[in-house]
Amino acid sequence: MLLLDAVSQAASIGVMGGAASALADACWPGGLTVVVPQRLDVPLPAALTGGTPTIGLRVPDHDAPRALAAAVGPLPTTSANVSGLPEAQDAQEILAQLGEGVNLILDGGAARGGPPSTVVDCTGERPLVLRDGAIPVARLVAILDAAGIAHDLVSG
């Protein structure tokens, strides 16, 4: 996954179709990750894409990663926690969990916490929710319906 500074940075990495663009415009910055086809002219390491021609993109609702992405470009990221442990909420918790496993911890303040991002696969003909999270499916349905984009999502 890549963290971006703004919606405008997404097209430099991925192919933003109608569904991805509508969802990103409505939900970024915030708890939405869209999976889109990666641009063929932007090679990305297999470690970042899992060897697939797709990439997850998100504009977080936190100033620190957005400022860093604006300064240096999209940020390859992963969750800052050991698998099975709760997400670290600040730099001290990251250090306690990961210790010598990281070279640098940028302390941008405490994380707001809450549910993980909602992940929507926008690589196919119709968007597909891969993970329920911070953005309710009912909101995704409303956004896609308002944009006239066909989908099979059902608000619960």
C-alpha atoms as a PDB file:
ATOM      1  CA  MET A   1       0.000   0.000   0.000  1.00  0.00           C
ATOM      2  CA  LEU A   2       1.060   3.574  -0.617  1.00  0.00           C
ATOM      3  CA  LEU A   3       0.087   6.568   1.464  1.00  0.00           C
ATOM      4  CA  LEU A   4      -0.429   9.718  -0.591  1.00  0.00           C
ATOM      5  CA  ASP A   5      -0.587  13.408   0.187  1.00  0.00           C
ATOM      6  CA  ALA A   6      -3.745  14.137  -1.838  1.00  0.00           C
ATOM      7  CA  VAL A   7      -6.166  12.690  -4.364  1.00  0.00           C
ATOM      8  CA  SER A   8      -4.153  14.359  -7.121  1.00  0.00           C
ATOM      9  CA  GLN A   9      -1.123  12.135  -6.360  1.00  0.00           C
ATOM     10  CA  ALA A  10      -3.080   8.920  -7.022  1.00  0.00           C
ATOM     11  CA  ALA A  11      -3.005   9.184 -10.813  1.00  0.00           C
ATOM     12  CA  SER A  12       0.802   9.322 -10.747  1.00  0.00           C
ATOM     13  CA  ILE A  13       0.870   5.724  -9.440  1.00  0.00           C
ATOM     14  CA  GLY A  14      -2.388   4.002 -10.347  1.00  0.00           C
ATOM     15  CA  VAL A  15      -5.112   3.990 -12.962  1.00  0.00           C
ATOM     16  CA  MET A  16      -7.986   5.788 -11.273  1.00  0.00           C
ATOM     17  CA  GLY A  17     -11.183   4.633 -12.949  1.00  0.00           C
ATOM     18  CA  GLY A  18     -14.621   6.049 -12.269  1.00  0.00           C
ATOM     19  CA  ALA A  19     -15.336   4.103  -9.083  1.00  0.00           C
ATOM     20  CA  ALA A  20     -11.901   4.728  -7.548  1.00  0.00           C
ATOM     21  CA  SER A  21     -12.058   8.425  -8.399  1.00  0.00           C
ATOM     22  CA  ALA A  22     -15.576   8.896  -7.015  1.00  0.00           C
ATOM     23  CA  LEU A  23     -14.735   7.086  -3.774  1.00  0.00           C
ATOM     24  CA  ALA A  24     -11.392   8.865  -3.349  1.00  0.00           C
ATOM     25  CA  ASP A  25     -12.899  12.301  -4.010  1.00  0.00           C
ATOM     26  CA  ALA A  26     -15.575  11.684  -1.386  1.00  0.00           C
ATOM     27  CA  CYS A  27     -13.571   9.852   1.290  1.00  0.00           C
ATOM     28  CA  TRP A  28      -9.997  11.191   1.180  1.00  0.00           C
ATOM     29  CA  PRO A  29      -8.382  12.104   3.408  1.00  0.00           C
ATOM     30  CA  GLY A  30      -9.800   9.331   5.517  1.00  0.00           C
ATOM     31  CA  GLY A  31     -10.175   5.643   6.171  1.00  0.00           C
ATOM     32  CA  LEU A  32     -10.492   4.335   2.627  1.00  0.00           C
ATOM     33  CA  THR A  33      -7.954   2.310   0.660  1.00  0.00           C
ATOM     34  CA  VAL A  34      -8.669   1.798  -3.035  1.00  0.00           C
ATOM     35  CA  VAL A  35      -6.977  -0.997  -4.942  1.00  0.00           C
ATOM     36  CA  VAL A  36      -6.372   0.051  -8.530  1.00  0.00           C
ATOM     37  CA  PRO A  37      -4.323  -1.171 -11.483  1.00  0.00           C
ATOM     38  CA  GLN A  38      -0.804   0.190 -11.239  1.00  0.00           C
ATOM     39  CA  ARG A  39       0.368   2.378 -14.115  1.00  0.00           C
ATOM     40  CA  LEU A  40       2.457   0.375 -16.551  1.00  0.00           C
ATOM     41  CA  ASP A  41       5.006   3.200 -16.813  1.00  0.00           C
ATOM     42  CA  VAL A  42       5.562   3.246 -13.041  1.00  0.00           C
ATOM     43  CA  PRO A  43       7.403   0.079 -12.038  1.00  0.00           C
ATOM     44  CA  LEU A  44       6.862  -0.879  -8.416  1.00  0.00           C
ATOM     45  CA  PRO A  45       8.740  -3.534  -6.441  1.00  0.00           C
ATOM     46  CA  ALA A  46       7.028  -6.909  -6.077  1.00  0.00           C
ATOM     47  CA  ALA A  47       7.460  -6.608  -2.304  1.00  0.00           C
ATOM     48  CA  LEU A  48       5.073  -3.656  -2.438  1.00  0.00           C
ATOM     49  CA  THR A  49       2.504  -5.103  -4.834  1.00  0.00           C
ATOM     50  CA  GLY A  50       2.665  -8.766  -3.868  1.00  0.00           C
ATOM     51  CA  GLY A  51       3.713  -9.422  -7.459  1.00  0.00           C
ATOM     52  CA  THR A  52       0.323  -8.322  -8.795  1.00  0.00           C
ATOM     53  CA  PRO A  53      -0.281  -5.478 -11.275  1.00  0.00           C
ATOM     54  CA  THR A  54      -2.354  -3.640  -8.652  1.00  0.00           C
ATOM     55  CA  ILE A  55      -1.625  -1.219  -5.821  1.00  0.00           C
ATOM     56  CA  GLY A  56      -3.535  -0.060  -2.750  1.00  0.00           C
ATOM     57  CA  LEU A  57      -3.693   3.728  -2.336  1.00  0.00           C
ATOM     58  CA  ARG A  58      -4.838   5.844   0.598  1.00  0.00           C
ATOM     59  CA  VAL A  59      -4.740   9.466   1.715  1.00  0.00           C
ATOM     60  CA  PRO A  60      -4.683   9.258   5.513  1.00  0.00           C
ATOM     61  CA  ASP A  61      -6.505  11.649   7.794  1.00  0.00           C
ATOM     62  CA  HIS A  62      -3.271  12.613   9.567  1.00  0.00           C
ATOM     63  CA  ASP A  63      -1.065  15.584   8.709  1.00  0.00           C
ATOM     64  CA  ALA A  64       2.321  13.907   9.316  1.00  0.00           C
ATOM     65  CA  PRO A  65       2.205  11.174   6.637  1.00  0.00           C
ATOM     66  CA  ARG A  66       0.522  13.515   4.153  1.00  0.00           C
ATOM     67  CA  ALA A  67       3.260  16.127   4.635  1.00  0.00           C
ATOM     68  CA  LEU A  68       5.946  13.476   4.205  1.00  0.00           C
ATOM     69  CA  ALA A  69       4.258  12.094   1.057  1.00  0.00           C
ATOM     70  CA  ALA A  70       4.031  15.639  -0.321  1.00  0.00           C
ATOM     71  CA  ALA A  71       7.744  16.161   0.289  1.00  0.00           C
ATOM     72  CA  VAL A  72       9.187  12.841  -0.888  1.00  0.00           C
ATOM     73  CA  GLY A  73       6.408  11.125  -2.853  1.00  0.00           C
ATOM     74  CA  PRO A  74       4.071   8.220  -2.114  1.00  0.00           C
ATOM     75  CA  LEU A  75       5.023   6.279   1.018  1.00  0.00           C
ATOM     76  CA  PRO A  76       5.175   2.484   1.007  1.00  0.00           C
ATOM     77  CA  THR A  77       3.686   1.415   4.317  1.00  0.00           C
ATOM     78  CA  THR A  78       2.400  -1.404   6.397  1.00  0.00           C
ATOM     79  CA  SER A  79       0.764  -1.562   9.789  1.00  0.00           C
ATOM     80  CA  ALA A  80       3.093  -0.548  12.604  1.00  0.00           C
ATOM     81  CA  ASN A  81       2.564  -3.565  14.797  1.00  0.00           C
ATOM     82  CA  VAL A  82       3.604  -7.150  15.216  1.00  0.00           C
ATOM     83  CA  SER A  83       1.051  -9.532  13.710  1.00  0.00           C
ATOM     84  CA  GLY A  84      -1.473 -10.516  16.356  1.00  0.00           C
ATOM     85  CA  LEU A  85      -0.768  -7.507  18.582  1.00  0.00           C
ATOM     86  CA  PRO A  86      -2.899  -4.367  18.634  1.00  0.00           C
ATOM     87  CA  GLU A  87      -1.869  -1.483  16.398  1.00  0.00           C
ATOM     88  CA  ALA A  88       0.658   0.793  18.019  1.00  0.00           C
ATOM     89  CA  GLN A  89      -0.869   4.159  18.888  1.00  0.00           C
ATOM     90  CA  ASP A  90       2.297   6.260  19.213  1.00  0.00           C
ATOM     91  CA  ALA A  91       6.049   6.228  18.603  1.00  0.00           C
ATOM     92  CA  GLN A  92       6.796   4.646  21.994  1.00  0.00           C
ATOM     93  CA  GLU A  93       4.474   1.702  21.304  1.00  0.00           C
ATOM     94  CA  ILE A  94       6.012   1.237  17.860  1.00  0.00           C
ATOM     95  CA  LEU A  95       9.470   1.154  19.423  1.00  0.00           C
ATOM     96  CA  ALA A  96       8.295  -1.295  22.095  1.00  0.00           C
ATOM     97  CA  GLN A  97       6.820  -3.678  19.485  1.00  0.00           C
ATOM     98  CA  LEU A  98       9.330  -3.377  16.659  1.00  0.00           C
ATOM     99  CA  GLY A  99      12.494  -2.243  18.460  1.00  0.00           C
ATOM    100  CA  GLU A 100      15.592  -2.925  16.404  1.00  0.00           C
ATOM    101  CA  GLY A 101      13.465  -3.995  13.428  1.00  0.00           C
ATOM    102  CA  VAL A 102      13.154  -0.418  12.178  1.00  0.00           C
ATOM    103  CA  ASN A 103      15.770   2.179  11.311  1.00  0.00           C
ATOM    104  CA  LEU A 104      13.629   5.265  11.851  1.00  0.00           C
ATOM    105  CA  ILE A 105      10.428   6.187  13.645  1.00  0.00           C
ATOM    106  CA  LEU A 106       8.916   9.522  12.665  1.00  0.00           C
ATOM    107  CA  ASP A 107       6.917  10.763  15.631  1.00  0.00           C
ATOM    108  CA  GLY A 108       3.931  12.589  14.172  1.00  0.00           C
ATOM    109  CA  GLY A 109       1.958  12.384  17.390  1.00  0.00           C
ATOM    110  CA  ALA A 110      -0.543   9.871  18.660  1.00  0.00           C
ATOM    111  CA  ALA A 111      -2.639   7.945  16.169  1.00  0.00           C
ATOM    112  CA  ARG A 112      -6.340   8.617  16.373  1.00  0.00           C
ATOM    113  CA  GLY A 113      -7.082   4.912  16.581  1.00  0.00           C
ATOM    114  CA  GLY A 114     -10.312   3.408  15.442  1.00  0.00           C
ATOM    115  CA  PRO A 115     -11.136   0.808  12.830  1.00  0.00           C
ATOM    116  CA  PRO A 116      -8.749   0.059   9.958  1.00  0.00           C
ATOM    117  CA  SER A 117      -9.431   1.519   6.554  1.00  0.00           C
ATOM    118  CA  THR A 118     -12.162   0.102   4.370  1.00  0.00           C
ATOM    119  CA  VAL A 119     -10.503  -1.549   1.369  1.00  0.00           C
ATOM    120  CA  VAL A 120     -12.271  -1.475  -1.990  1.00  0.00           C
ATOM    121  CA  ASP A 121     -10.985  -3.311  -5.057  1.00  0.00           C
ATOM    122  CA  CYS A 122     -11.590  -1.040  -8.043  1.00  0.00           C
ATOM    123  CA  THR A 123      -9.680  -3.151 -10.576  1.00  0.00           C
ATOM    124  CA  GLY A 124     -12.657  -4.973 -12.046  1.00  0.00           C
ATOM    125  CA  GLU A 125     -15.841  -4.026 -13.806  1.00  0.00           C
ATOM    126  CA  ARG A 126     -17.598  -3.403 -10.487  1.00  0.00           C
ATOM    127  CA  PRO A 127     -16.044  -2.345  -7.166  1.00  0.00           C
ATOM    128  CA  LEU A 128     -15.745  -4.988  -4.456  1.00  0.00           C
ATOM    129  CA  VAL A 129     -15.281  -4.440  -0.720  1.00  0.00           C
ATOM    130  CA  LEU A 130     -12.267  -6.480   0.418  1.00  0.00           C
ATOM    131  CA  ARG A 131     -12.374  -5.318   4.043  1.00  0.00           C
ATOM    132  CA  ASP A 132     -15.058  -3.530   6.021  1.00  0.00           C
ATOM    133  CA  GLY A 133     -13.596  -0.732   8.060  1.00  0.00           C
ATOM    134  CA  ALA A 134     -13.778   2.956   8.835  1.00  0.00           C
ATOM    135  CA  ILE A 135     -16.023   3.922   5.904  1.00  0.00           C
ATOM    136  CA  PRO A 136     -19.410   2.162   6.131  1.00  0.00           C
ATOM    137  CA  VAL A 137     -20.572   0.260   3.056  1.00  0.00           C
ATOM    138  CA  ALA A 138     -23.777   2.339   3.088  1.00  0.00           C
ATOM    139  CA  ARG A 139     -21.655   5.446   2.435  1.00  0.00           C
ATOM    140  CA  LEU A 140     -19.840   3.717  -0.433  1.00  0.00           C
ATOM    141  CA  VAL A 141     -23.186   2.719  -1.938  1.00  0.00           C
ATOM    142  CA  ALA A 142     -24.443   6.307  -1.718  1.00  0.00           C
ATOM    143  CA  ILE A 143     -21.279   7.685  -3.341  1.00  0.00           C
ATOM    144  CA  LEU A 144     -21.348   5.190  -6.205  1.00  0.00           C
ATOM    145  CA  ASP A 145     -25.094   5.621  -6.750  1.00  0.00           C
ATOM    146  CA  ALA A 146     -24.724   9.417  -6.854  1.00  0.00           C
ATOM    147  CA  ALA A 147     -21.936   9.063  -9.428  1.00  0.00           C
ATOM    148  CA  GLY A 148     -24.022   6.653 -11.533  1.00  0.00           C
ATOM    149  CA  ILE A 149     -21.454   3.872 -11.160  1.00  0.00           C
ATOM    150  CA  ALA A 150     -22.711   0.292 -11.367  1.00  0.00           C
ATOM    151  CA  HIS A 151     -21.902  -1.882  -8.363  1.00  0.00           C
ATOM    152  CA  ASP A 152     -23.117  -4.889  -6.429  1.00  0.00           C
ATOM    153  CA  LEU A 153     -22.549  -3.422  -2.971  1.00  0.00           C
ATOM    154  CA  VAL A 154     -25.401  -3.732  -0.535  1.00  0.00           C
ATOM    155  CA  SER A 155     -25.790  -1.344   2.371  1.00  0.00           C
ATOM    156  CA  GLY A 156     -26.570  -3.163   5.574  1.00  0.00           C
END
